[in-house]
Amino acid sequence: MPLPDAAPRSSLLTDLIQFGRLLLFRRAAPGSLTPDIGKLPWLLLLYFLLALGLGIALSGRENGALVLDGSIFVLFGAIAALAGILKMIDRQLDGARIWLVFSLLLTLLPLAGFIGAHVWALLSKVSFFANPPFPGFAAWLAGMLPHFFAILPHLWLAAAGTVFVARARPCDHWRRGLYVPLTPLALLAVFSSIDPLALWQISLPAPVTDADAFTVDESVLYGQSRLLEARLDAIEAGKPGVPEIFFLGVAGSEEGVFMRETIAVEQLFKDRYATAGHSLILVNNPATANRIPFASVESLSQALRRIGKRMNGKEDLLFLFLTSHGSADQRFSIKLWPFDFASITPRLLRKALDDSGIQRRVVVVSACYSGGFVPALADGNTLVMSASAAKRSSFGCDPGNELTDFGRAYFAEALHETRSFTEAFRRAQAIIAAREAASIPPLTPSLPQIAGGERMHTQLQWFERDPSAVTIKPRR
């Protein structure tokens, strides 16, 4: 007696046609979508062709590069595991057929990513989404809508797979309450695990950063001591009978934002408070290694001592500005690879100031947790301001920024409106509080601090008299 013929297996082309019906939430024709491991290589090839073609269409061919990523194989394995889990939940489900449908869904992921990228690019240019006319949560919600519409293709694929699984069993089956919610969540988790268009990337020459170009050669190794001495020698003595401000700026860490902020603030004081000839900055940045002295505990101490000798007792005022990262244990970061510089602590800075003999000083510390410096430094002759409270972070130290958030509010904005250091601080406090509250999500308030300077009131008033104004124009 002859054996019965095996059930016919559908071709991949037939499967793709019937898969189109599933995407429209319709049932596939009987006998279609038959599982066959031999279809997997073709699905992988289709995925790679879609990813490559759509990646080129999105990024352009110029300077493009093919980047092979093995993540897709892991995702096909995850799809197989998901089909096996559903089979374990309900033995009457056809796990192999579910695997084939899920694999087809995964194959279309590059197309979903391509559509989503265009939707996001289009909607993000609409002023309603880019600059929502609502405050608070409503503005955040409006700004998130382009992201939601961008993932709609992925949600569609997940929904199509869920409907297919749900139809595989009668509606009253209790196990359906397990695998129907599981399916879309699992599919979305898989879909979000890879950039399907990453096979084709624009290959641009790697930017030469300051750190890349920085080598400690002889010009740096021996030149720094000569450079510091030359800058110290250039500090002019104060004129007797004329109160003057001496400025010292310290960019402690090697990120560009601290360098740019220190240079900008020094120029502000030269233009606004006539500190030319009485100004010095110490910067830890590879870009300035051959023209600006490094910032270190030793160079700071030397600078303070030399400035103290050039100042006229109680007439003149030191404005010391320090900007860098800070730590929760109140350490101001002094960092420049490959050097091993020591951090500045409140106690160390207080000693350096006292040893310098400088009698009148305004100190601004812009760093996270910088409020820890305030009680150690503040007294009747020392006005101290910090960018944050002792247990709070400050913001805006991204390397690409022109100024930190505190530097922008205090120097670029508040000191443009008033020459008073204390009034500028109060205005900067309000500016910073408003911006942190308006951030989405709201930032934990940094709570800038101010204390001291009670015996400097008359002297500080002297420097408020000049009506000239200079603006630092920050670029974000």
Protein backbone atom coordinates (compact mmCIF):
# COMPACT_ATOMS: atom_id res chain seq x y z
CA MET A 1 0.00 0.00 0.00
CA PRO A 2 1.59 3.31 -1.08
CA LEU A 3 2.35 5.91 1.54
CA PRO A 4 0.25 9.06 1.43
CA ASP A 5 1.87 12.09 -0.13
CA ALA A 6 3.30 14.68 2.27
CA ALA A 7 1.34 17.87 2.68
CA PRO A 8 2.38 20.41 0.06
CA ARG A 9 4.66 23.16 1.27
CA SER A 10 4.11 26.75 0.19
CA SER A 11 6.85 28.63 -1.60
CA LEU A 12 8.50 31.70 -0.12
CA LEU A 13 6.88 33.85 -2.79
CA THR A 14 3.44 32.53 -1.80
CA ASP A 15 4.31 33.16 1.84
CA LEU A 16 5.22 36.75 1.10
CA ILE A 17 1.91 37.32 -0.68
CA GLN A 18 -0.07 35.80 2.19
CA PHE A 19 2.08 37.73 4.66
CA GLY A 20 0.76 40.88 3.01
CA ARG A 21 -2.73 39.78 4.07
CA LEU A 22 -1.53 39.39 7.65
CA LEU A 23 -0.18 42.94 7.59
CA LEU A 24 -3.71 44.06 6.73
CA PHE A 25 -4.97 42.02 9.71
CA ARG A 26 -6.62 39.44 7.44
CA ARG A 27 -6.31 35.67 7.62
CA ALA A 28 -3.79 33.90 5.41
CA ALA A 29 -5.08 31.37 2.90
CA PRO A 30 -5.20 27.72 4.10
CA GLY A 31 -2.03 25.79 3.32
CA SER A 32 0.15 28.90 3.14
CA LEU A 33 2.94 29.97 5.47
CA THR A 34 4.24 26.44 5.90
CA PRO A 35 7.40 26.37 8.03
CA ASP A 36 10.62 25.30 6.34
CA ILE A 37 14.13 25.90 7.69
CA GLY A 38 15.30 26.26 4.10
CA LYS A 39 13.45 29.59 3.91
CA LEU A 40 15.63 31.15 6.62
CA PRO A 41 18.70 31.90 4.41
CA TRP A 42 16.43 33.63 1.89
CA LEU A 43 14.81 35.70 4.63
CA LEU A 44 18.25 36.71 5.89
CA LEU A 45 19.29 37.69 2.37
CA LEU A 46 16.09 39.71 1.95
CA TYR A 47 16.75 41.46 5.26
CA PHE A 48 20.30 42.40 4.28
CA LEU A 49 19.24 43.63 0.83
CA LEU A 50 16.49 45.79 2.35
CA ALA A 51 18.80 47.14 5.05
CA LEU A 52 21.56 47.93 2.57
CA GLY A 53 19.31 49.49 -0.07
CA LEU A 54 17.28 51.59 2.33
CA GLY A 55 20.39 52.58 4.25
CA ILE A 56 21.95 53.91 1.05
CA ALA A 57 18.70 55.70 0.19
CA LEU A 58 18.63 57.33 3.62
CA SER A 59 22.31 58.25 3.92
CA GLY A 60 23.44 58.63 0.32
CA ARG A 61 26.21 56.75 -1.41
CA GLU A 62 28.98 59.33 -1.01
CA ASN A 63 31.54 58.21 1.58
CA GLY A 64 29.31 55.28 2.46
CA ALA A 65 30.64 52.10 4.02
CA LEU A 66 29.19 48.61 4.47
CA VAL A 67 29.22 47.62 8.13
CA LEU A 68 28.26 43.99 8.76
CA ASP A 69 26.45 43.49 12.07
CA GLY A 70 25.80 40.05 13.49
CA SER A 71 22.99 41.25 15.76
CA ILE A 72 20.36 40.19 13.25
CA PHE A 73 21.29 36.53 13.77
CA VAL A 74 20.72 36.94 17.49
CA LEU A 75 17.34 38.52 16.80
CA PHE A 76 16.26 35.64 14.57
CA GLY A 77 17.25 33.36 17.45
CA ALA A 78 15.18 35.47 19.84
CA ILE A 79 12.21 35.13 17.49
CA ALA A 80 12.62 31.35 17.50
CA ALA A 81 12.79 31.38 21.31
CA LEU A 82 9.61 33.46 21.51
CA ALA A 83 7.79 31.01 19.24
CA GLY A 84 8.98 28.17 21.47
CA ILE A 85 7.72 29.95 24.60
CA LEU A 86 4.28 30.41 23.04
CA LYS A 87 4.27 26.71 22.11
CA MET A 88 5.06 25.82 25.73
CA ILE A 89 2.20 28.00 26.98
CA ASP A 90 -0.27 26.35 24.60
CA ARG A 91 0.67 23.00 23.09
CA GLN A 92 -1.98 23.34 20.39
CA LEU A 93 -0.26 26.36 18.86
CA ASP A 94 1.86 25.71 15.78
CA GLY A 95 5.20 27.02 17.04
CA ALA A 96 7.00 26.49 13.73
CA ARG A 97 4.38 28.47 11.79
CA ILE A 98 4.51 31.27 14.36
CA TRP A 99 8.31 31.31 13.97
CA LEU A 100 7.96 31.78 10.22
CA VAL A 101 5.50 34.68 10.60
CA PHE A 102 7.69 36.36 13.21
CA SER A 103 10.72 35.93 10.94
CA LEU A 104 8.82 37.62 8.12
CA LEU A 105 7.99 40.48 10.49
CA LEU A 106 11.65 40.81 11.41
CA THR A 107 12.63 40.85 7.73
CA LEU A 108 10.52 43.99 7.24
CA LEU A 109 12.25 45.80 10.10
CA PRO A 110 14.54 47.84 7.77
CA LEU A 111 11.47 49.15 5.94
CA ALA A 112 9.84 50.11 9.24
CA GLY A 113 13.01 51.89 10.32
CA PHE A 114 13.25 53.73 7.00
CA ILE A 115 9.65 54.96 7.20
CA GLY A 116 10.05 55.90 10.86
CA ALA A 117 13.20 57.92 10.17
CA HIS A 118 11.44 59.96 7.48
CA VAL A 119 8.36 60.51 9.65
CA TRP A 120 10.51 61.75 12.53
CA ALA A 121 12.60 64.03 10.28
CA LEU A 122 9.42 65.53 8.78
CA LEU A 123 7.53 66.10 12.03
CA SER A 124 10.52 67.38 13.99
CA LYS A 125 10.66 70.36 11.62
CA VAL A 126 7.07 71.36 12.36
CA SER A 127 7.12 74.35 14.71
CA PHE A 128 4.24 72.96 16.78
CA PHE A 129 6.38 69.97 17.78
CA ALA A 130 9.76 71.72 17.84
CA ASN A 131 8.53 74.68 19.90
CA PRO A 132 5.25 73.66 21.53
CA PRO A 133 2.98 76.60 22.46
CA PHE A 134 2.21 74.96 25.81
CA PRO A 135 4.06 75.02 29.14
CA GLY A 136 5.19 72.13 31.32
CA PHE A 137 3.93 68.59 30.71
CA ALA A 138 1.85 69.59 27.67
CA ALA A 139 4.99 70.90 25.95
CA TRP A 140 6.83 67.66 26.73
CA LEU A 141 3.92 65.63 25.38
CA ALA A 142 3.82 67.64 22.16
CA GLY A 143 7.57 67.23 21.75
CA MET A 144 7.25 63.46 22.13
CA LEU A 145 4.61 63.07 19.41
CA PRO A 146 7.16 62.90 16.53
CA HIS A 147 8.86 59.99 18.33
CA PHE A 148 5.52 58.21 18.75
CA PHE A 149 4.61 58.56 15.08
CA ALA A 150 8.12 57.41 14.13
CA ILE A 151 7.60 54.05 15.85
CA LEU A 152 4.13 53.49 14.39
CA PRO A 153 5.54 51.13 11.69
CA HIS A 154 7.08 48.99 14.44
CA LEU A 155 3.82 49.02 16.39
CA TRP A 156 1.99 47.95 13.22
CA LEU A 157 4.28 44.95 12.76
CA ALA A 158 3.90 43.96 16.41
CA ALA A 159 0.13 44.28 16.18
CA ALA A 160 0.00 42.13 13.03
CA GLY A 161 1.99 39.39 14.77
CA THR A 162 -0.24 39.57 17.83
CA VAL A 163 -3.45 39.26 15.78
CA PHE A 164 -2.01 36.24 13.97
CA VAL A 165 -1.20 34.50 17.28
CA ALA A 166 -4.56 35.44 18.79
CA ARG A 167 -6.42 33.85 15.87
CA ALA A 168 -4.51 30.61 16.31
CA ARG A 169 -6.76 29.62 19.24
CA PRO A 170 -10.45 30.07 20.10
CA CYS A 171 -11.31 33.32 21.82
CA ASP A 172 -12.40 31.63 25.02
CA HIS A 173 -9.16 29.77 25.63
CA TRP A 174 -7.69 30.84 28.99
CA ARG A 175 -4.05 30.60 27.83
CA ARG A 176 -4.81 33.28 25.32
CA GLY A 177 -4.77 35.72 28.24
CA LEU A 178 -1.06 34.94 28.64
CA TYR A 179 0.35 34.90 25.15
CA VAL A 180 -1.67 37.73 23.60
CA PRO A 181 -0.18 40.41 25.93
CA LEU A 182 3.23 38.70 25.77
CA THR A 183 3.49 38.77 21.98
CA PRO A 184 3.49 42.53 21.27
CA LEU A 185 5.79 43.27 24.20
CA ALA A 186 8.28 40.63 23.11
CA LEU A 187 8.16 41.68 19.47
CA LEU A 188 8.70 45.36 20.32
CA ALA A 189 11.61 44.38 22.57
CA VAL A 190 13.22 42.53 19.66
CA PHE A 191 12.47 45.30 17.16
CA SER A 192 14.09 47.94 19.38
CA SER A 193 17.28 45.92 19.88
CA ILE A 194 18.95 46.89 16.61
CA ASP A 195 19.26 49.73 14.15
CA PRO A 196 18.11 47.95 10.98
CA LEU A 197 19.67 50.56 8.71
CA ALA A 198 23.11 50.40 10.35
CA LEU A 199 24.49 48.16 7.59
CA TRP A 200 25.19 51.25 5.53
CA GLN A 201 26.82 54.19 7.25
CA ILE A 202 28.36 57.45 6.18
CA SER A 203 32.07 57.03 6.72
CA LEU A 204 33.57 60.41 7.51
CA PRO A 205 37.18 60.98 8.54
CA ALA A 206 37.44 60.83 12.32
CA PRO A 207 37.68 64.35 13.68
CA VAL A 208 41.07 65.25 15.08
CA THR A 209 40.35 66.20 18.66
CA ASP A 210 42.60 68.17 20.94
CA ALA A 211 43.38 65.00 22.86
CA ASP A 212 44.36 63.18 19.66
CA ALA A 213 46.75 65.95 18.69
CA PHE A 214 48.27 66.28 22.17
CA THR A 215 51.70 64.82 22.75
CA VAL A 216 53.93 65.67 25.67
CA ASP A 217 57.01 66.63 23.73
CA GLU A 218 59.93 68.76 24.88
CA SER A 219 58.18 72.01 23.98
CA VAL A 220 55.43 71.16 26.44
CA LEU A 221 57.55 69.47 29.08
CA TYR A 222 60.09 72.28 29.39
CA GLY A 223 58.01 75.07 27.98
CA GLN A 224 55.29 75.05 30.62
CA SER A 225 57.51 76.31 33.44
CA ARG A 226 58.86 79.10 31.23
CA LEU A 227 55.33 79.90 30.06
CA LEU A 228 54.01 80.20 33.61
CA GLU A 229 56.91 82.39 34.67
CA ALA A 230 56.43 84.66 31.66
CA ARG A 231 52.72 85.07 32.40
CA LEU A 232 53.44 85.79 36.06
CA ASP A 233 56.07 88.38 35.12
CA ALA A 234 53.55 90.09 32.83
CA ILE A 235 51.19 90.86 35.72
CA GLU A 236 51.44 94.59 36.33
CA ALA A 237 51.46 96.20 39.75
CA GLY A 238 48.36 98.05 40.83
CA LYS A 239 48.25 101.84 40.77
CA PRO A 240 48.26 103.33 44.28
CA GLY A 241 45.09 105.23 45.13
CA VAL A 242 43.03 103.59 42.35
CA PRO A 243 41.05 100.45 43.30
CA GLU A 244 41.54 97.78 40.65
CA ILE A 245 40.42 94.22 40.02
CA PHE A 246 42.93 91.43 39.43
CA PHE A 247 41.49 88.41 37.63
CA LEU A 248 42.62 84.78 37.88
CA GLY A 249 40.75 82.08 35.95
CA VAL A 250 41.21 78.32 36.31
CA ALA A 251 39.90 75.76 33.80
CA GLY A 252 40.53 72.60 35.79
CA SER A 253 39.48 69.80 33.46
CA GLU A 254 40.40 69.12 29.86
CA GLU A 255 36.90 69.32 28.32
CA GLY A 256 36.64 72.22 25.89
CA VAL A 257 33.71 73.90 27.64
CA PHE A 258 35.89 74.81 30.63
CA MET A 259 38.61 76.27 28.42
CA ARG A 260 36.14 78.32 26.39
CA GLU A 261 34.34 79.55 29.49
CA THR A 262 37.54 80.67 31.20
CA ILE A 263 38.80 82.50 28.13
CA ALA A 264 35.42 84.20 27.63
CA VAL A 265 35.17 85.31 31.27
CA GLU A 266 38.71 86.67 31.23
CA GLN A 267 37.85 88.77 28.17
CA LEU A 268 34.66 89.97 29.84
CA PHE A 269 36.64 91.26 32.82
CA LYS A 270 39.22 92.93 30.59
CA ASP A 271 36.50 94.78 28.72
CA ARG A 272 34.13 95.47 31.58
CA TYR A 273 36.38 95.86 34.61
CA ALA A 274 39.66 96.97 32.98
CA THR A 275 41.69 93.97 34.16
CA ALA A 276 44.14 94.01 31.22
CA GLY A 277 47.61 93.75 32.73
CA HIS A 278 46.10 92.32 35.91
CA SER A 279 44.79 89.08 34.41
CA LEU A 280 45.97 85.48 34.20
CA ILE A 281 44.31 82.19 33.27
CA LEU A 282 45.42 78.61 33.87
CA VAL A 283 43.92 76.08 31.47
CA ASN A 284 44.09 72.32 31.22
CA ASN A 285 43.44 71.71 27.56
CA PRO A 286 45.64 70.21 24.84
CA ALA A 287 44.74 73.03 22.43
CA THR A 288 46.45 75.62 24.62
CA ALA A 289 49.37 73.56 25.92
CA ASN A 290 51.98 75.77 24.20
CA ARG A 291 50.46 79.16 24.99
CA ILE A 292 48.58 79.02 28.32
CA PRO A 293 49.98 77.61 31.60
CA PHE A 294 48.44 74.43 32.92
CA ALA A 295 46.16 74.52 35.94
CA SER A 296 47.52 72.66 38.95
CA VAL A 297 47.73 73.14 42.68
CA GLU A 298 51.28 74.45 42.27
CA SER A 299 50.57 76.84 39.38
CA LEU A 300 47.52 78.19 41.22
CA SER A 301 49.53 78.75 44.38
CA GLN A 302 52.31 80.50 42.45
CA ALA A 303 49.80 82.68 40.63
CA LEU A 304 48.08 83.72 43.85
CA ARG A 305 51.38 84.59 45.52
CA ARG A 306 52.57 86.66 42.55
CA ILE A 307 49.24 88.47 42.24
CA GLY A 308 49.31 89.15 45.98
CA LYS A 309 52.65 90.90 45.56
CA ARG A 310 51.33 93.05 42.70
CA MET A 311 48.14 94.16 44.46
CA ASN A 312 47.81 97.20 46.69
CA GLY A 313 46.65 95.93 50.05
CA LYS A 314 43.02 96.71 50.83
CA GLU A 315 42.53 98.85 47.71
CA ASP A 316 42.55 96.13 45.10
CA LEU A 317 40.29 93.12 44.68
CA LEU A 318 40.99 89.61 43.42
CA PHE A 319 38.30 87.90 41.35
CA LEU A 320 39.12 84.19 41.29
CA PHE A 321 37.06 82.04 38.93
CA LEU A 322 37.36 78.24 38.91
CA THR A 323 35.41 75.99 36.54
CA SER A 324 35.63 72.21 36.22
CA HIS A 325 33.98 69.02 37.38
CA GLY A 326 33.34 68.47 41.07
CA SER A 327 32.80 65.43 43.26
CA ALA A 328 30.50 64.69 46.16
CA ASP A 329 33.44 64.77 48.56
CA GLN A 330 34.06 68.42 47.61
CA ARG A 331 37.03 67.97 45.32
CA PHE A 332 37.50 70.33 42.39
CA SER A 333 38.85 68.30 39.47
CA ILE A 334 42.29 69.14 38.08
CA LYS A 335 42.72 66.81 35.15
CA LEU A 336 44.81 66.63 31.99
CA TRP A 337 45.94 63.34 30.50
CA PRO A 338 48.62 61.99 30.89
CA PHE A 339 49.45 64.08 33.97
CA ASP A 340 48.41 63.00 37.44
CA PHE A 341 47.36 66.31 38.99
CA ALA A 342 45.98 66.55 42.51
CA SER A 343 42.44 67.85 43.00
CA ILE A 344 41.71 71.09 44.84
CA THR A 345 39.92 70.80 48.15
CA PRO A 346 38.26 73.68 50.05
CA ARG A 347 40.94 73.52 52.73
CA LEU A 348 43.76 73.59 50.19
CA LEU A 349 42.27 76.56 48.35
CA ARG A 350 41.73 78.46 51.59
CA LYS A 351 45.37 77.93 52.54
CA ALA A 352 46.59 79.08 49.12
CA LEU A 353 44.50 82.25 49.39
CA ASP A 354 45.68 82.99 52.90
CA ASP A 355 49.33 82.34 52.03
CA SER A 356 49.10 84.78 49.10
CA GLY A 357 48.46 87.75 51.39
CA ILE A 358 45.52 88.89 49.24
CA GLN A 359 43.15 90.72 51.56
CA ARG A 360 40.03 91.30 49.43
CA ARG A 361 38.74 88.52 47.23
CA VAL A 362 35.69 87.31 45.32
CA VAL A 363 35.74 83.59 44.58
CA VAL A 364 33.40 81.84 42.14
CA VAL A 365 33.52 78.03 41.98
CA SER A 366 31.56 76.54 39.09
CA ALA A 367 31.36 72.79 39.54
CA CYS A 368 29.07 70.08 40.82
CA TYR A 369 28.87 70.03 44.64
CA SER A 370 30.80 73.31 44.72
CA GLY A 371 28.70 74.56 47.62
CA GLY A 372 31.13 72.67 49.83
CA PHE A 373 33.70 75.41 49.16
CA VAL A 374 31.47 78.19 50.52
CA PRO A 375 31.76 77.63 54.30
CA ALA A 376 35.51 76.97 54.02
CA LEU A 377 36.28 80.17 52.12
CA ALA A 378 33.65 82.76 53.05
CA ASP A 379 34.44 85.46 55.59
CA GLY A 380 34.03 89.21 55.94
CA ASN A 381 36.70 89.88 53.30
CA THR A 382 35.94 86.95 51.00
CA LEU A 383 32.74 86.80 48.96
CA VAL A 384 32.17 83.24 47.73
CA MET A 385 29.70 82.02 45.11
CA SER A 386 29.13 78.46 43.93
CA ALA A 387 27.25 76.97 41.01
CA SER A 388 25.49 74.45 43.24
CA ALA A 389 24.82 73.43 46.80
CA ALA A 390 27.20 71.07 48.57
CA LYS A 391 25.03 68.04 47.76
CA ARG A 392 23.72 69.08 44.34
CA SER A 393 24.97 68.87 40.76
CA SER A 394 25.31 71.77 38.39
CA PHE A 395 24.66 71.41 34.66
CA GLY A 396 25.88 72.32 31.20
CA CYS A 397 29.41 70.88 31.23
CA ASP A 398 28.93 69.03 27.95
CA PRO A 399 32.25 69.34 26.03
CA GLY A 400 30.49 70.94 23.05
CA ASN A 401 28.94 73.78 25.04
CA GLU A 402 30.38 77.26 24.94
CA LEU A 403 29.61 77.93 28.60
CA THR A 404 28.26 75.92 31.51
CA ASP A 405 24.70 76.68 32.63
CA PHE A 406 25.95 78.70 35.60
CA GLY A 407 28.54 80.52 33.49
CA ARG A 408 25.94 81.46 30.91
CA ALA A 409 23.45 82.73 33.49
CA TYR A 410 25.94 84.59 35.69
CA PHE A 411 28.60 85.96 33.33
CA ALA A 412 26.94 86.09 29.90
CA GLU A 413 23.54 87.30 31.07
CA ALA A 414 23.36 88.67 34.62
CA LEU A 415 26.69 90.53 34.56
CA HIS A 416 25.64 92.06 31.28
CA GLU A 417 22.68 93.67 33.03
CA THR A 418 24.48 94.80 36.20
CA ARG A 419 28.07 95.37 37.27
CA SER A 420 27.28 94.23 40.81
CA PHE A 421 28.66 90.78 41.59
CA THR A 422 26.02 90.13 44.25
CA GLU A 423 23.08 91.45 42.25
CA ALA A 424 24.24 89.44 39.23
CA PHE A 425 24.27 86.34 41.41
CA ARG A 426 20.70 86.91 42.56
CA ARG A 427 19.59 87.34 38.96
CA ALA A 428 21.51 84.26 37.88
CA GLN A 429 19.84 82.26 40.67
CA ALA A 430 16.43 83.15 39.26
CA ILE A 431 17.49 82.39 35.67
CA ILE A 432 18.94 78.99 36.60
CA ALA A 433 15.95 78.00 38.76
CA ALA A 434 13.53 78.83 35.93
CA ARG A 435 15.52 76.87 33.34
CA GLU A 436 15.93 73.83 35.54
CA ALA A 437 12.21 73.80 36.34
CA ALA A 438 11.31 74.18 32.64
CA SER A 439 13.57 71.32 31.54
CA ILE A 440 11.84 68.14 30.37
CA PRO A 441 11.99 66.29 32.65
CA PRO A 442 12.65 68.95 35.31
CA LEU A 443 16.20 68.94 36.64
CA THR A 444 16.96 68.60 40.33
CA PRO A 445 17.62 72.22 41.39
CA SER A 446 21.33 73.00 41.61
CA LEU A 447 20.75 75.71 44.26
CA PRO A 448 23.73 78.08 43.71
CA GLN A 449 25.14 79.45 46.98
CA ILE A 450 26.57 82.80 48.11
CA ALA A 451 28.10 83.90 51.40
CA GLY A 452 30.67 86.26 52.93
CA GLY A 453 32.02 89.67 51.92
CA GLU A 454 30.28 91.64 54.67
CA ARG A 455 33.26 94.01 55.12
CA MET A 456 33.68 94.58 51.36
CA HIS A 457 30.44 96.47 50.71
CA THR A 458 32.05 99.87 50.04
CA GLN A 459 34.75 98.41 47.83
CA LEU A 460 32.30 96.34 45.81
CA GLN A 461 30.19 99.43 45.23
CA TRP A 462 33.23 101.14 43.68
CA PHE A 463 33.36 98.60 40.89
CA GLU A 464 29.66 98.97 40.16
CA ARG A 465 30.04 102.59 39.02
CA ASP A 466 31.33 102.13 35.47
CA PRO A 467 28.26 101.92 33.16
CA SER A 468 30.07 100.14 30.28
CA ALA A 469 28.63 96.80 29.21
CA VAL A 470 30.05 93.83 27.34
CA THR A 471 28.25 90.69 26.27
CA ILE A 472 29.51 87.15 26.02
CA LYS A 473 27.46 85.52 23.29
CA PRO A 474 27.23 81.82 24.09
CA ARG A 475 26.69 79.22 21.39
CA ARG A 476 24.76 76.14 22.42
